[in-house]
Every structure is written in structure tokens, then in C-alpha cells.
Amino acid sequence: MPDVAIESVNFRRAWDYVSTAKDDLLTDYLTDKIKCLISGGAEVISLTAVTMHMIYDNLSKKISYPLVSIPKTVSEEVVSAGITKIGLLGTVFTMEQDFMKKDLISENVQVFVPNAKERELIGKRIIEELEIGIVKESSLTELVNIINRMKEDNGIEGIILGCTELPLILNSEKCPVNCFDAVDIHLKKLVNLAME
């Protein structure tokens, strides 16, 4: 197994930058963290939080070092599974912005997100429950109902769990459609790259 280095990020600080649209401050903050990894000898680098990929392009311009992209890696997995209509769950930012969708769209995969009321509910469950380790059966039922509604209304063949915390409550056994866990897909890609 390869050596692993982790540069810890103050989640609340990063989340404050995200929620107040301070992309430049978030980019500078994460750039400093990435530079620490590079100076420590890291050969494979990745952001482990899906939402932080909203500034992936900005980060890529600031450092001359390849970053593993969760959106690209997930897109490759969805395309290889032959999916043409996919649902996306995640934080409100992940569902409403394009960073998690554009690689899929470029591969002719239609991406659907929950409606505004459902997005608000999912965001609330992530921040107020999953983020602090609370997993409720009632919240699982809500998520499954949303996925079933999207399957019925949008014809989705699969769902992307586009948030680090969602696998705490949802997995392929509990999901009514093909389940693409961004965390699991990402980790497999990182391990494969590190072992090369």
C-alpha cells in the first residue's frame, strides 16, 4: 500500500466560503493546503469533498500539479455502466451548480436533480443530521421517495450520491435505482493511481 498524507481542512471555514460565495478565498485556502501536500512529496492529490469541486477549475489554474476530479471519475463510471439518465443528490450547491454535471452532459448523459422543495430538504438532512452523524429511518424514507419520484417523472436509471455523507444513509441495497457512490468511486480511482 502507498503512503497516505492528509492535509486537514477546517470544514466550517471552507463551508462559510462556499455558502457566502467567496470562491477566491476558498481557492486560496485550498491552494495553500495542496501546496503543503506537494511539498511533502505527494504524487496523487485529490479534494475529498464533492462540494469543494465547485472551484476545481480555479485550483487547477493555481497549481501545476494534476488533481483527481470526483466529477470526472464519477462520470466515467456512469458512462461505462451505460446509463443515459442519471439523478444527482448532494448539497444544495452540488445539485444547483454545474460542476458535477458538465462531464456527464459532455458524454450525452441527461442529469436530473430533485425539485426546489426536495433540494432544500436534502440539504437540510445533510447539514443538520448526516454531517453530525445522525442517521434516521425517516430521512432514508424521504430520500428513497425522492428517488422514486425522479424515476417515475424523469426516467432516471441511476442516482449519484454526490456528497460525502450520503453513503451513511443510502447504498445500493437501499436505493431503488443503480447507486453511484461518489466516495467509493473516488477512493477506488485514487488507490489505482497510487498503485501504478
N, C-alpha and C. Protein backbone atom coordinates (compact mmCIF):
# COMPACT_ATOMS: atom_id res chain seq x y z
N MET A 1 0.85 -1.20 0.00
CA MET A 1 0.00 0.00 0.00
C MET A 1 0.88 1.25 0.00
N PRO A 2 0.43 2.29 -0.70
CA PRO A 2 1.19 3.53 -0.72
C PRO A 2 1.04 4.31 0.59
N ASP A 3 1.99 5.21 0.84
CA ASP A 3 1.86 6.12 1.97
C ASP A 3 0.73 7.11 1.68
N VAL A 4 0.04 7.52 2.71
CA VAL A 4 -1.06 8.48 2.55
C VAL A 4 -0.81 9.69 3.43
N ALA A 5 -0.89 10.86 2.86
CA ALA A 5 -0.77 12.11 3.62
C ALA A 5 -2.10 12.85 3.55
N ILE A 6 -2.53 13.38 4.67
CA ILE A 6 -3.79 14.12 4.72
C ILE A 6 -3.51 15.53 5.22
N GLU A 7 -3.99 16.49 4.48
CA GLU A 7 -3.90 17.89 4.92
C GLU A 7 -5.30 18.26 5.40
N SER A 8 -5.45 18.39 6.69
CA SER A 8 -6.78 18.63 7.26
C SER A 8 -7.27 20.04 6.95
N VAL A 9 -8.54 20.11 6.61
CA VAL A 9 -9.17 21.38 6.27
C VAL A 9 -10.22 21.70 7.33
N ASN A 10 -10.28 22.95 7.76
CA ASN A 10 -11.32 23.38 8.69
C ASN A 10 -12.63 23.45 7.90
N PHE A 11 -13.48 22.45 8.10
CA PHE A 11 -14.70 22.35 7.30
C PHE A 11 -15.58 23.58 7.45
N ARG A 12 -15.73 24.07 8.66
CA ARG A 12 -16.61 25.23 8.88
C ARG A 12 -16.10 26.46 8.13
N ARG A 13 -14.80 26.64 8.13
CA ARG A 13 -14.22 27.77 7.39
C ARG A 13 -14.49 27.61 5.89
N ALA A 14 -14.22 26.41 5.37
CA ALA A 14 -14.44 26.15 3.94
C ALA A 14 -15.92 26.29 3.60
N TRP A 15 -16.79 25.77 4.47
CA TRP A 15 -18.23 25.84 4.21
C TRP A 15 -18.73 27.29 4.24
N ASP A 16 -18.15 28.09 5.11
CA ASP A 16 -18.51 29.51 5.15
C ASP A 16 -18.16 30.18 3.81
N TYR A 17 -17.00 29.86 3.26
CA TYR A 17 -16.61 30.42 1.95
C TYR A 17 -17.59 29.96 0.87
N VAL A 18 -17.98 28.69 0.93
CA VAL A 18 -18.93 28.15 -0.05
C VAL A 18 -20.27 28.86 0.06
N SER A 19 -20.80 28.91 1.27
CA SER A 19 -22.16 29.44 1.46
C SER A 19 -22.27 30.94 1.29
N THR A 20 -21.13 31.65 1.32
CA THR A 20 -21.16 33.10 1.10
C THR A 20 -20.56 33.47 -0.26
N ALA A 21 -20.37 32.47 -1.10
CA ALA A 21 -19.87 32.66 -2.48
C ALA A 21 -18.52 33.37 -2.53
N LYS A 22 -17.65 33.03 -1.57
CA LYS A 22 -16.29 33.61 -1.55
C LYS A 22 -15.33 32.63 -2.22
N ASP A 23 -15.54 32.43 -3.53
CA ASP A 23 -14.76 31.45 -4.28
C ASP A 23 -13.26 31.75 -4.24
N ASP A 24 -12.89 33.02 -4.30
CA ASP A 24 -11.47 33.37 -4.29
C ASP A 24 -10.80 32.98 -2.97
N LEU A 25 -11.49 33.24 -1.86
CA LEU A 25 -10.93 32.88 -0.55
C LEU A 25 -10.84 31.36 -0.40
N LEU A 26 -11.86 30.65 -0.88
CA LEU A 26 -11.85 29.19 -0.83
C LEU A 26 -10.71 28.64 -1.69
N THR A 27 -10.53 29.22 -2.87
CA THR A 27 -9.45 28.78 -3.77
C THR A 27 -8.09 29.00 -3.10
N ASP A 28 -7.88 30.16 -2.52
CA ASP A 28 -6.61 30.45 -1.85
C ASP A 28 -6.37 29.50 -0.68
N TYR A 29 -7.41 29.26 0.10
CA TYR A 29 -7.31 28.38 1.26
C TYR A 29 -6.92 26.96 0.85
N LEU A 30 -7.62 26.42 -0.15
CA LEU A 30 -7.33 25.05 -0.58
C LEU A 30 -6.02 24.96 -1.35
N THR A 31 -5.65 26.02 -2.05
CA THR A 31 -4.35 26.04 -2.74
C THR A 31 -3.22 25.91 -1.73
N ASP A 32 -3.31 26.62 -0.62
CA ASP A 32 -2.29 26.51 0.43
C ASP A 32 -2.21 25.08 0.98
N LYS A 33 -3.36 24.45 1.15
CA LYS A 33 -3.39 23.08 1.65
C LYS A 33 -2.76 22.11 0.64
N ILE A 34 -3.05 22.31 -0.63
CA ILE A 34 -2.48 21.45 -1.68
C ILE A 34 -0.97 21.63 -1.77
N LYS A 35 -0.50 22.87 -1.63
CA LYS A 35 0.95 23.13 -1.67
C LYS A 35 1.67 22.40 -0.53
N CYS A 36 1.01 22.28 0.62
CA CYS A 36 1.61 21.53 1.73
C CYS A 36 1.78 20.06 1.36
N LEU A 37 0.78 19.50 0.67
CA LEU A 37 0.87 18.11 0.24
C LEU A 37 1.99 17.92 -0.78
N ILE A 38 2.08 18.87 -1.71
CA ILE A 38 3.12 18.79 -2.74
C ILE A 38 4.51 18.87 -2.11
N SER A 39 4.67 19.80 -1.16
CA SER A 39 5.98 19.94 -0.51
C SER A 39 6.32 18.70 0.33
N GLY A 40 5.31 17.96 0.73
CA GLY A 40 5.53 16.73 1.48
C GLY A 40 5.80 15.52 0.59
N GLY A 41 5.78 15.74 -0.74
CA GLY A 41 6.12 14.66 -1.67
C GLY A 41 4.94 13.91 -2.27
N ALA A 42 3.73 14.41 -2.08
CA ALA A 42 2.57 13.72 -2.65
C ALA A 42 2.66 13.64 -4.17
N GLU A 43 2.27 12.49 -4.70
CA GLU A 43 2.27 12.29 -6.15
C GLU A 43 0.87 12.24 -6.75
N VAL A 44 -0.12 11.90 -5.92
CA VAL A 44 -1.52 11.88 -6.32
C VAL A 44 -2.28 12.75 -5.33
N ILE A 45 -3.00 13.75 -5.84
CA ILE A 45 -3.70 14.69 -4.96
C ILE A 45 -5.16 14.77 -5.35
N SER A 46 -6.01 14.86 -4.34
CA SER A 46 -7.44 14.98 -4.60
C SER A 46 -8.13 15.76 -3.49
N LEU A 47 -9.21 16.42 -3.88
CA LEU A 47 -10.13 17.00 -2.90
C LEU A 47 -11.09 15.89 -2.52
N THR A 48 -11.30 15.67 -1.24
CA THR A 48 -12.16 14.55 -0.85
C THR A 48 -13.62 14.94 -0.65
N ALA A 49 -13.93 16.21 -0.72
CA ALA A 49 -15.32 16.67 -0.58
C ALA A 49 -15.87 17.07 -1.95
N VAL A 50 -17.02 16.55 -2.28
CA VAL A 50 -17.60 16.81 -3.60
C VAL A 50 -17.89 18.29 -3.80
N THR A 51 -18.50 18.94 -2.82
CA THR A 51 -18.89 20.35 -2.98
C THR A 51 -17.69 21.25 -3.28
N MET A 52 -16.54 20.93 -2.72
CA MET A 52 -15.35 21.76 -2.95
C MET A 52 -14.91 21.75 -4.42
N HIS A 53 -15.43 20.80 -5.19
CA HIS A 53 -15.10 20.75 -6.62
C HIS A 53 -15.71 21.92 -7.40
N MET A 54 -16.52 22.72 -6.72
CA MET A 54 -17.07 23.91 -7.38
C MET A 54 -15.95 24.86 -7.81
N ILE A 55 -14.78 24.76 -7.16
CA ILE A 55 -13.65 25.63 -7.54
C ILE A 55 -12.50 24.81 -8.13
N TYR A 56 -12.78 23.60 -8.57
CA TYR A 56 -11.75 22.71 -9.13
C TYR A 56 -10.99 23.39 -10.26
N ASP A 57 -11.69 24.03 -11.18
CA ASP A 57 -11.02 24.69 -12.31
C ASP A 57 -10.10 25.80 -11.83
N ASN A 58 -10.54 26.58 -10.84
CA ASN A 58 -9.70 27.64 -10.28
C ASN A 58 -8.43 27.07 -9.64
N LEU A 59 -8.59 25.97 -8.92
CA LEU A 59 -7.43 25.33 -8.27
C LEU A 59 -6.45 24.81 -9.31
N SER A 60 -6.99 24.20 -10.35
CA SER A 60 -6.14 23.63 -11.40
C SER A 60 -5.28 24.70 -12.07
N LYS A 61 -5.79 25.92 -12.14
CA LYS A 61 -5.02 27.02 -12.73
C LYS A 61 -3.93 27.53 -11.78
N LYS A 62 -4.16 27.36 -10.48
CA LYS A 62 -3.22 27.91 -9.49
C LYS A 62 -2.05 26.98 -9.19
N ILE A 63 -2.23 25.69 -9.45
CA ILE A 63 -1.13 24.76 -9.17
C ILE A 63 -0.81 23.97 -10.43
N SER A 64 0.45 23.70 -10.63
CA SER A 64 0.86 22.96 -11.82
C SER A 64 1.03 21.49 -11.45
N TYR A 65 -0.02 20.93 -10.91
CA TYR A 65 0.01 19.57 -10.42
C TYR A 65 -1.34 18.95 -10.69
N PRO A 66 -1.39 17.73 -11.21
CA PRO A 66 -2.70 17.15 -11.53
C PRO A 66 -3.53 16.82 -10.28
N LEU A 67 -4.79 17.17 -10.34
CA LEU A 67 -5.74 16.86 -9.27
C LEU A 67 -6.73 15.82 -9.79
N VAL A 68 -7.04 14.83 -8.98
CA VAL A 68 -8.04 13.84 -9.37
C VAL A 68 -9.42 14.48 -9.19
N SER A 69 -10.23 14.41 -10.23
CA SER A 69 -11.55 15.04 -10.21
C SER A 69 -12.63 14.02 -9.88
N ILE A 70 -13.38 14.28 -8.81
CA ILE A 70 -14.52 13.41 -8.48
C ILE A 70 -15.56 13.45 -9.59
N PRO A 71 -15.97 14.64 -10.08
CA PRO A 71 -16.98 14.66 -11.15
C PRO A 71 -16.57 13.85 -12.38
N LYS A 72 -15.32 13.97 -12.80
CA LYS A 72 -14.85 13.24 -13.99
C LYS A 72 -14.83 11.74 -13.73
N THR A 73 -14.35 11.35 -12.56
CA THR A 73 -14.27 9.94 -12.20
C THR A 73 -15.66 9.31 -12.12
N VAL A 74 -16.61 10.03 -11.51
CA VAL A 74 -17.99 9.53 -11.42
C VAL A 74 -18.61 9.44 -12.81
N SER A 75 -18.36 10.45 -13.63
CA SER A 75 -18.88 10.45 -15.00
C SER A 75 -18.40 9.21 -15.76
N GLU A 76 -17.13 8.89 -15.63
CA GLU A 76 -16.57 7.72 -16.31
C GLU A 76 -17.30 6.44 -15.89
N GLU A 77 -17.59 6.35 -14.61
CA GLU A 77 -18.27 5.16 -14.07
C GLU A 77 -19.71 5.07 -14.58
N VAL A 78 -20.41 6.20 -14.59
CA VAL A 78 -21.81 6.23 -15.06
C VAL A 78 -21.87 5.87 -16.54
N VAL A 79 -20.97 6.45 -17.33
CA VAL A 79 -20.94 6.17 -18.77
C VAL A 79 -20.61 4.71 -19.03
N SER A 80 -19.65 4.16 -18.30
CA SER A 80 -19.26 2.76 -18.51
C SER A 80 -20.39 1.80 -18.14
N ALA A 81 -21.31 2.25 -17.28
CA ALA A 81 -22.47 1.43 -16.91
C ALA A 81 -23.60 1.53 -17.93
N GLY A 82 -23.43 2.39 -18.93
CA GLY A 82 -24.44 2.52 -19.98
C GLY A 82 -25.66 3.34 -19.57
N ILE A 83 -25.51 4.14 -18.53
CA ILE A 83 -26.62 4.97 -18.05
C ILE A 83 -26.76 6.20 -18.95
N THR A 84 -27.99 6.52 -19.33
CA THR A 84 -28.23 7.72 -20.15
C THR A 84 -29.02 8.79 -19.41
N LYS A 85 -29.69 8.40 -18.30
CA LYS A 85 -30.42 9.36 -17.48
C LYS A 85 -30.06 9.10 -16.03
N ILE A 86 -29.46 10.11 -15.40
CA ILE A 86 -28.96 9.94 -14.03
C ILE A 86 -29.52 11.03 -13.13
N GLY A 87 -29.80 10.68 -11.89
CA GLY A 87 -30.19 11.66 -10.89
C GLY A 87 -28.97 12.04 -10.06
N LEU A 88 -29.01 13.22 -9.48
CA LEU A 88 -27.90 13.71 -8.66
C LEU A 88 -28.41 14.22 -7.33
N LEU A 89 -27.91 13.65 -6.25
CA LEU A 89 -28.19 14.14 -4.90
C LEU A 89 -26.89 14.68 -4.32
N GLY A 90 -27.00 15.67 -3.47
CA GLY A 90 -25.83 16.25 -2.82
C GLY A 90 -26.23 17.47 -2.03
N THR A 91 -25.26 18.28 -1.69
CA THR A 91 -25.59 19.55 -1.05
C THR A 91 -26.36 20.40 -2.05
N VAL A 92 -27.01 21.43 -1.58
CA VAL A 92 -27.76 22.32 -2.48
C VAL A 92 -26.83 22.87 -3.56
N PHE A 93 -25.61 23.22 -3.17
CA PHE A 93 -24.65 23.77 -4.13
C PHE A 93 -24.30 22.75 -5.21
N THR A 94 -24.11 21.52 -4.82
CA THR A 94 -23.78 20.46 -5.78
C THR A 94 -24.94 20.21 -6.73
N MET A 95 -26.15 20.22 -6.21
CA MET A 95 -27.31 19.96 -7.07
C MET A 95 -27.62 21.13 -8.00
N GLU A 96 -27.38 22.35 -7.53
CA GLU A 96 -27.80 23.53 -8.32
C GLU A 96 -26.72 24.06 -9.25
N GLN A 97 -25.45 23.80 -8.96
CA GLN A 97 -24.38 24.27 -9.84
C GLN A 97 -24.04 23.18 -10.86
N ASP A 98 -23.19 23.52 -11.82
CA ASP A 98 -22.91 22.62 -12.94
C ASP A 98 -21.67 21.74 -12.79
N PHE A 99 -20.85 21.97 -11.77
CA PHE A 99 -19.55 21.30 -11.71
C PHE A 99 -19.65 19.78 -11.67
N MET A 100 -20.71 19.23 -11.11
CA MET A 100 -20.86 17.78 -11.04
C MET A 100 -21.59 17.23 -12.28
N LYS A 101 -22.14 18.12 -13.08
CA LYS A 101 -22.95 17.71 -14.23
C LYS A 101 -22.22 17.78 -15.56
N LYS A 102 -21.27 18.72 -15.70
CA LYS A 102 -20.76 19.03 -17.04
C LYS A 102 -20.05 17.88 -17.72
N ASP A 103 -19.29 17.05 -16.97
CA ASP A 103 -18.63 15.90 -17.59
C ASP A 103 -19.67 14.89 -18.09
N LEU A 104 -20.72 14.71 -17.33
CA LEU A 104 -21.80 13.80 -17.73
C LEU A 104 -22.51 14.31 -18.98
N ILE A 105 -22.84 15.60 -18.98
CA ILE A 105 -23.54 16.20 -20.11
C ILE A 105 -22.69 16.10 -21.38
N SER A 106 -21.37 16.28 -21.24
CA SER A 106 -20.49 16.19 -22.41
C SER A 106 -20.45 14.77 -22.97
N GLU A 107 -20.87 13.79 -22.16
CA GLU A 107 -20.94 12.40 -22.61
C GLU A 107 -22.38 12.00 -22.98
N ASN A 108 -23.22 13.02 -23.19
CA ASN A 108 -24.63 12.82 -23.58
C ASN A 108 -25.47 12.08 -22.54
N VAL A 109 -25.13 12.26 -21.28
CA VAL A 109 -25.94 11.72 -20.19
C VAL A 109 -26.81 12.86 -19.67
N GLN A 110 -28.12 12.62 -19.59
CA GLN A 110 -29.02 13.62 -19.04
C GLN A 110 -28.94 13.55 -17.51
N VAL A 111 -28.79 14.72 -16.89
CA VAL A 111 -28.67 14.79 -15.43
C VAL A 111 -29.90 15.50 -14.86
N PHE A 112 -30.52 14.84 -13.90
CA PHE A 112 -31.71 15.40 -13.25
C PHE A 112 -31.43 15.61 -11.77
N VAL A 113 -31.93 16.71 -11.25
CA VAL A 113 -31.83 16.97 -9.81
C VAL A 113 -33.24 17.06 -9.23
N PRO A 114 -33.38 16.85 -7.94
CA PRO A 114 -34.69 16.99 -7.30
C PRO A 114 -35.24 18.41 -7.48
N ASN A 115 -36.55 18.56 -7.27
CA ASN A 115 -37.15 19.89 -7.37
C ASN A 115 -36.71 20.76 -6.20
N ALA A 116 -37.06 22.04 -6.25
CA ALA A 116 -36.55 23.00 -5.26
C ALA A 116 -36.88 22.60 -3.82
N LYS A 117 -38.10 22.15 -3.58
CA LYS A 117 -38.50 21.75 -2.22
C LYS A 117 -37.69 20.54 -1.76
N GLU A 118 -37.50 19.59 -2.67
CA GLU A 118 -36.73 18.39 -2.35
C GLU A 118 -35.25 18.73 -2.11
N ARG A 119 -34.70 19.64 -2.92
CA ARG A 119 -33.30 20.05 -2.74
C ARG A 119 -33.10 20.67 -1.36
N GLU A 120 -34.04 21.50 -0.98
CA GLU A 120 -33.96 22.14 0.34
C GLU A 120 -33.98 21.09 1.45
N LEU A 121 -34.86 20.10 1.32
CA LEU A 121 -34.98 19.03 2.31
C LEU A 121 -33.68 18.22 2.39
N ILE A 122 -33.13 17.85 1.23
CA ILE A 122 -31.89 17.06 1.20
C ILE A 122 -30.75 17.85 1.84
N GLY A 123 -30.63 19.13 1.48
CA GLY A 123 -29.60 19.97 2.06
C GLY A 123 -29.70 20.03 3.57
N LYS A 124 -30.93 20.14 4.05
CA LYS A 124 -31.18 20.21 5.50
C LYS A 124 -30.79 18.90 6.18
N ARG A 125 -31.14 17.78 5.57
CA ARG A 125 -30.81 16.47 6.16
C ARG A 125 -29.29 16.26 6.21
N ILE A 126 -28.59 16.73 5.18
CA ILE A 126 -27.13 16.59 5.16
C ILE A 126 -26.50 17.42 6.27
N ILE A 127 -26.86 18.70 6.34
CA ILE A 127 -26.22 19.61 7.30
C ILE A 127 -26.67 19.35 8.74
N GLU A 128 -27.97 19.13 8.93
CA GLU A 128 -28.48 19.03 10.30
C GLU A 128 -28.45 17.61 10.89
N GLU A 129 -28.27 16.61 10.03
CA GLU A 129 -28.26 15.23 10.53
C GLU A 129 -26.97 14.49 10.15
N LEU A 130 -26.80 14.20 8.87
CA LEU A 130 -25.69 13.35 8.44
C LEU A 130 -24.33 13.93 8.79
N GLU A 131 -24.20 15.24 8.64
CA GLU A 131 -22.93 15.91 8.93
C GLU A 131 -22.47 15.69 10.38
N ILE A 132 -23.43 15.49 11.27
CA ILE A 132 -23.08 15.29 12.68
C ILE A 132 -23.36 13.83 13.13
N GLY A 133 -23.48 12.93 12.14
CA GLY A 133 -23.58 11.51 12.43
C GLY A 133 -24.96 11.00 12.80
N ILE A 134 -26.00 11.78 12.54
CA ILE A 134 -27.36 11.34 12.85
C ILE A 134 -27.95 10.70 11.59
N VAL A 135 -28.34 9.43 11.70
CA VAL A 135 -28.94 8.69 10.59
C VAL A 135 -30.32 8.21 11.02
N LYS A 136 -31.35 8.75 10.36
CA LYS A 136 -32.74 8.43 10.75
C LYS A 136 -33.43 7.63 9.65
N GLU A 137 -34.21 6.66 10.07
CA GLU A 137 -35.00 5.86 9.13
C GLU A 137 -35.98 6.75 8.37
N SER A 138 -36.53 7.76 9.05
CA SER A 138 -37.49 8.67 8.40
C SER A 138 -36.81 9.46 7.28
N SER A 139 -35.56 9.83 7.47
CA SER A 139 -34.82 10.57 6.44
C SER A 139 -34.50 9.65 5.26
N LEU A 140 -34.17 8.39 5.54
CA LEU A 140 -33.96 7.42 4.47
C LEU A 140 -35.22 7.29 3.63
N THR A 141 -36.36 7.19 4.29
CA THR A 141 -37.64 7.08 3.57
C THR A 141 -37.86 8.30 2.68
N GLU A 142 -37.56 9.48 3.18
CA GLU A 142 -37.70 10.71 2.37
C GLU A 142 -36.82 10.66 1.13
N LEU A 143 -35.57 10.24 1.30
CA LEU A 143 -34.65 10.18 0.16
C LEU A 143 -35.10 9.15 -0.87
N VAL A 144 -35.52 7.98 -0.39
CA VAL A 144 -36.00 6.93 -1.31
C VAL A 144 -37.24 7.41 -2.05
N ASN A 145 -38.12 8.12 -1.37
CA ASN A 145 -39.32 8.67 -2.03
C ASN A 145 -38.94 9.67 -3.12
N ILE A 146 -37.95 10.49 -2.86
CA ILE A 146 -37.48 11.46 -3.86
C ILE A 146 -36.91 10.73 -5.08
N ILE A 147 -36.10 9.71 -4.83
CA ILE A 147 -35.51 8.94 -5.94
C ILE A 147 -36.60 8.24 -6.73
N ASN A 148 -37.57 7.66 -6.06
CA ASN A 148 -38.70 7.00 -6.76
C ASN A 148 -39.48 8.00 -7.60
N ARG A 149 -39.67 9.21 -7.07
CA ARG A 149 -40.38 10.23 -7.82
C ARG A 149 -39.60 10.61 -9.08
N MET A 150 -38.28 10.74 -8.95
CA MET A 150 -37.44 11.07 -10.10
C MET A 150 -37.42 9.92 -11.12
N LYS A 151 -37.47 8.71 -10.63
CA LYS A 151 -37.53 7.54 -11.52
C LYS A 151 -38.83 7.58 -12.33
N GLU A 152 -39.91 7.90 -11.65
CA GLU A 152 -41.23 7.95 -12.30
C GLU A 152 -41.34 9.15 -13.25
N ASP A 153 -40.94 10.33 -12.80
CA ASP A 153 -41.12 11.56 -13.59
C ASP A 153 -40.03 11.79 -14.63
N ASN A 154 -38.79 11.42 -14.30
CA ASN A 154 -37.66 11.74 -15.19
C ASN A 154 -37.05 10.52 -15.87
N GLY A 155 -37.47 9.33 -15.44
CA GLY A 155 -36.94 8.12 -16.05
C GLY A 155 -35.49 7.83 -15.70
N ILE A 156 -35.04 8.31 -14.52
CA ILE A 156 -33.64 8.07 -14.15
C ILE A 156 -33.38 6.57 -13.98
N GLU A 157 -32.19 6.17 -14.42
CA GLU A 157 -31.77 4.77 -14.32
C GLU A 157 -30.79 4.57 -13.17
N GLY A 158 -30.33 5.66 -12.61
CA GLY A 158 -29.38 5.59 -11.52
C GLY A 158 -29.36 6.90 -10.77
N ILE A 159 -28.69 6.89 -9.62
CA ILE A 159 -28.58 8.09 -8.81
C ILE A 159 -27.13 8.23 -8.33
N ILE A 160 -26.62 9.45 -8.39
CA ILE A 160 -25.28 9.73 -7.87
C ILE A 160 -25.42 10.26 -6.45
N LEU A 161 -24.73 9.60 -5.53
CA LEU A 161 -24.64 10.12 -4.16
C LEU A 161 -23.48 11.09 -4.18
N GLY A 162 -23.79 12.35 -4.48
CA GLY A 162 -22.77 13.37 -4.70
C GLY A 162 -22.44 14.17 -3.47
N CYS A 163 -22.36 13.51 -2.34
CA CYS A 163 -21.98 14.16 -1.09
C CYS A 163 -21.32 13.10 -0.21
N THR A 164 -20.27 13.47 0.46
CA THR A 164 -19.51 12.54 1.29
C THR A 164 -20.37 11.85 2.34
N GLU A 165 -21.38 12.55 2.86
CA GLU A 165 -22.20 12.00 3.94
C GLU A 165 -23.35 11.10 3.47
N LEU A 166 -23.77 11.21 2.23
CA LEU A 166 -24.94 10.44 1.78
C LEU A 166 -24.78 8.92 1.90
N PRO A 167 -23.57 8.36 1.69
CA PRO A 167 -23.44 6.91 1.87
C PRO A 167 -23.68 6.44 3.31
N LEU A 168 -23.72 7.36 4.26
CA LEU A 168 -24.06 6.97 5.63
C LEU A 168 -25.50 6.47 5.71
N ILE A 169 -26.34 6.94 4.79
CA ILE A 169 -27.76 6.60 4.85
C ILE A 169 -28.25 5.81 3.64
N LEU A 170 -27.61 6.00 2.50
CA LEU A 170 -28.04 5.34 1.26
C LEU A 170 -26.93 4.47 0.71
N ASN A 171 -27.31 3.33 0.15
CA ASN A 171 -26.36 2.47 -0.56
C ASN A 171 -27.12 1.66 -1.60
N SER A 172 -26.43 0.81 -2.31
CA SER A 172 -27.07 0.07 -3.40
C SER A 172 -28.18 -0.86 -2.91
N GLU A 173 -28.10 -1.31 -1.67
CA GLU A 173 -29.15 -2.19 -1.13
C GLU A 173 -30.43 -1.43 -0.80
N LYS A 174 -30.30 -0.16 -0.45
CA LYS A 174 -31.46 0.62 -0.04
C LYS A 174 -32.01 1.50 -1.16
N CYS A 175 -31.30 1.58 -2.26
CA CYS A 175 -31.65 2.50 -3.34
C CYS A 175 -32.49 1.80 -4.40
N PRO A 176 -33.57 2.43 -4.86
CA PRO A 176 -34.44 1.80 -5.86
C PRO A 176 -33.92 1.84 -7.30
N VAL A 177 -32.78 2.49 -7.52
CA VAL A 177 -32.14 2.52 -8.84
C VAL A 177 -30.65 2.25 -8.65
N ASN A 178 -29.91 2.11 -9.75
CA ASN A 178 -28.46 1.93 -9.64
C ASN A 178 -27.86 3.08 -8.83
N CYS A 179 -27.02 2.73 -7.88
CA CYS A 179 -26.47 3.72 -6.96
C CYS A 179 -24.99 3.95 -7.24
N PHE A 180 -24.62 5.19 -7.51
CA PHE A 180 -23.23 5.54 -7.78
C PHE A 180 -22.71 6.39 -6.62
N ASP A 181 -21.95 5.74 -5.75
CA ASP A 181 -21.41 6.37 -4.55
C ASP A 181 -20.13 7.11 -4.94
N ALA A 182 -20.18 8.44 -4.97
CA ALA A 182 -19.04 9.25 -5.40
C ALA A 182 -17.81 8.99 -4.53
N VAL A 183 -18.02 8.75 -3.25
CA VAL A 183 -16.90 8.50 -2.33
C VAL A 183 -16.20 7.19 -2.70
N ASP A 184 -16.97 6.14 -2.89
CA ASP A 184 -16.40 4.83 -3.22
C ASP A 184 -15.69 4.86 -4.57
N ILE A 185 -16.33 5.46 -5.56
CA ILE A 185 -15.74 5.55 -6.90
C ILE A 185 -14.43 6.33 -6.84
N HIS A 186 -14.44 7.41 -6.11
CA HIS A 186 -13.26 8.27 -5.96
C HIS A 186 -12.11 7.52 -5.29
N LEU A 187 -12.40 6.83 -4.20
CA LEU A 187 -11.36 6.09 -3.47
C LEU A 187 -10.73 5.01 -4.34
N LYS A 188 -11.55 4.31 -5.11
CA LYS A 188 -11.01 3.27 -6.00
C LYS A 188 -10.07 3.88 -7.02
N LYS A 189 -10.44 5.02 -7.57
CA LYS A 189 -9.60 5.70 -8.55
C LYS A 189 -8.27 6.12 -7.91
N LEU A 190 -8.33 6.69 -6.70
CA LEU A 190 -7.12 7.12 -6.01
C LEU A 190 -6.18 5.95 -5.72
N VAL A 191 -6.74 4.83 -5.26
CA VAL A 191 -5.92 3.66 -4.96
C VAL A 191 -5.26 3.14 -6.24
N ASN A 192 -6.04 3.06 -7.32
CA ASN A 192 -5.49 2.58 -8.59
C ASN A 192 -4.35 3.48 -9.07
N LEU A 193 -4.53 4.79 -8.97
CA LEU A 193 -3.48 5.72 -9.39
C LEU A 193 -2.25 5.60 -8.52
N ALA A 194 -2.47 5.48 -7.22
CA ALA A 194 -1.34 5.38 -6.29
C ALA A 194 -0.55 4.09 -6.46
N MET A 195 -1.23 3.04 -6.92
CA MET A 195 -0.57 1.74 -7.07
C MET A 195 0.17 1.62 -8.40
N GLU A 196 -0.07 2.55 -9.32
CA GLU A 196 0.59 2.48 -10.63
C GLU A 196 2.08 2.76 -10.52
